[in-house]
């Protein structure tokens, strides 16, 4: 199975301009994007090394990436700024 790049701009191309705008103007969004992109990069590197999917650390990383992606998507769909920190 090919290793897939899950970059936000590839996952949500319809929000490309909004992603760019929020990255420039919304620090919490930018920080979450950076964390998401770094995590995705680390996961792809592990996948290239054929890490077993049962590995707990690897599974937690994938779960965290999915959680971040969901939060970022919620922001992209809304008209609000990122509210990651209460």
Protein backbone atom coordinates (compact mmCIF):
# COMPACT_ATOMS: atom_id res chain seq x y z
CA UNK A 1 0.00 0.00 0.00
CA UNK A 2 1.44 3.43 -0.92
CA UNK A 3 2.40 5.80 1.89
CA UNK A 4 -0.03 8.72 1.81
CA UNK A 5 0.77 12.33 2.59
CA UNK A 6 -1.99 13.70 4.84
CA UNK A 7 -0.99 17.38 4.61
CA UNK A 8 -3.97 19.64 5.29
CA UNK A 9 -3.71 21.26 1.88
CA UNK A 10 -3.99 17.81 0.28
CA UNK A 11 -6.76 16.64 2.60
CA UNK A 12 -8.82 19.84 2.26
CA UNK A 13 -7.88 21.52 -1.05
CA UNK A 14 -11.18 23.42 -1.02
CA UNK A 15 -9.90 25.33 2.04
CA UNK A 16 -6.47 26.19 0.64
CA UNK A 17 -6.95 29.97 0.85
CA UNK A 18 -8.49 29.76 4.32
CA UNK A 19 -5.60 27.58 5.53
CA UNK A 20 -3.11 30.13 4.22
CA UNK A 21 -5.00 33.02 5.82
CA UNK A 22 -5.38 31.31 9.20
CA UNK A 23 -1.72 30.28 9.22
CA UNK A 24 -0.77 33.93 8.74
CA UNK A 25 -3.25 35.46 11.17
CA UNK A 26 -4.12 32.88 13.84
CA UNK A 27 -1.25 31.71 16.02
CA UNK A 28 -3.07 28.78 17.67
CA UNK A 29 -4.16 27.52 14.24
CA UNK A 30 -0.63 27.86 12.87
CA UNK A 31 0.85 26.02 15.85
CA UNK A 32 -1.70 23.21 15.53
CA UNK A 33 -1.01 23.02 11.77
CA UNK A 34 2.71 22.79 12.41
CA UNK A 35 2.17 20.05 15.00
CA UNK A 36 -0.14 18.17 12.62
CA UNK A 37 2.32 18.44 9.71
CA UNK A 38 5.28 17.32 11.82
CA UNK A 39 3.31 14.39 13.20
CA UNK A 40 2.22 13.39 9.69
CA UNK A 41 5.84 13.51 8.54
CA UNK A 42 6.96 11.31 11.45
CA UNK A 43 4.17 8.81 10.78
CA UNK A 44 5.07 8.58 7.09
CA UNK A 45 8.71 7.97 8.00
CA UNK A 46 7.68 5.14 10.33
CA UNK A 47 5.40 3.68 7.67
CA UNK A 48 8.31 3.64 5.23
CA UNK A 49 10.21 1.57 7.80
CA UNK A 50 7.28 -0.91 7.99
CA UNK A 51 6.49 -0.36 11.68
CA UNK A 52 3.77 -2.86 12.72
CA UNK A 53 0.39 -1.19 13.12
CA UNK A 54 -0.01 -2.87 16.52
CA UNK A 55 2.82 -0.77 17.92
CA UNK A 56 1.21 1.32 20.70
CA UNK A 57 3.33 4.41 20.17
CA UNK A 58 2.62 4.38 16.44
CA UNK A 59 -1.11 3.91 17.07
CA UNK A 60 -1.15 6.82 19.53
CA UNK A 61 0.60 9.02 16.98
CA UNK A 62 -1.99 8.16 14.33
CA UNK A 63 -4.84 8.78 16.79
CA UNK A 64 -3.36 12.17 17.77
CA UNK A 65 -2.98 13.12 14.08
CA UNK A 66 -6.65 12.25 13.48
CA UNK A 67 -7.70 14.28 16.54
CA UNK A 68 -5.72 17.32 15.36
CA UNK A 69 -7.10 16.96 11.85
CA UNK A 70 -10.66 16.94 13.22
CA UNK A 71 -10.02 20.07 15.29
CA UNK A 72 -8.43 21.86 12.34
CA UNK A 73 -11.28 20.85 10.06
CA UNK A 74 -13.82 22.23 12.53
CA UNK A 75 -12.02 25.57 12.42
CA UNK A 76 -11.86 25.52 8.63
CA UNK A 77 -15.60 24.87 8.39
CA UNK A 78 -16.47 27.64 10.84
CA UNK A 79 -16.11 31.39 10.65
CA UNK A 80 -14.29 31.46 13.98
CA UNK A 81 -10.63 31.65 14.83
CA UNK A 82 -8.88 28.68 16.39
CA UNK A 83 -9.78 28.14 20.00
CA UNK A 84 -7.41 25.36 21.00
CA UNK A 85 -6.56 26.84 24.36
CA UNK A 86 -9.31 27.63 26.87
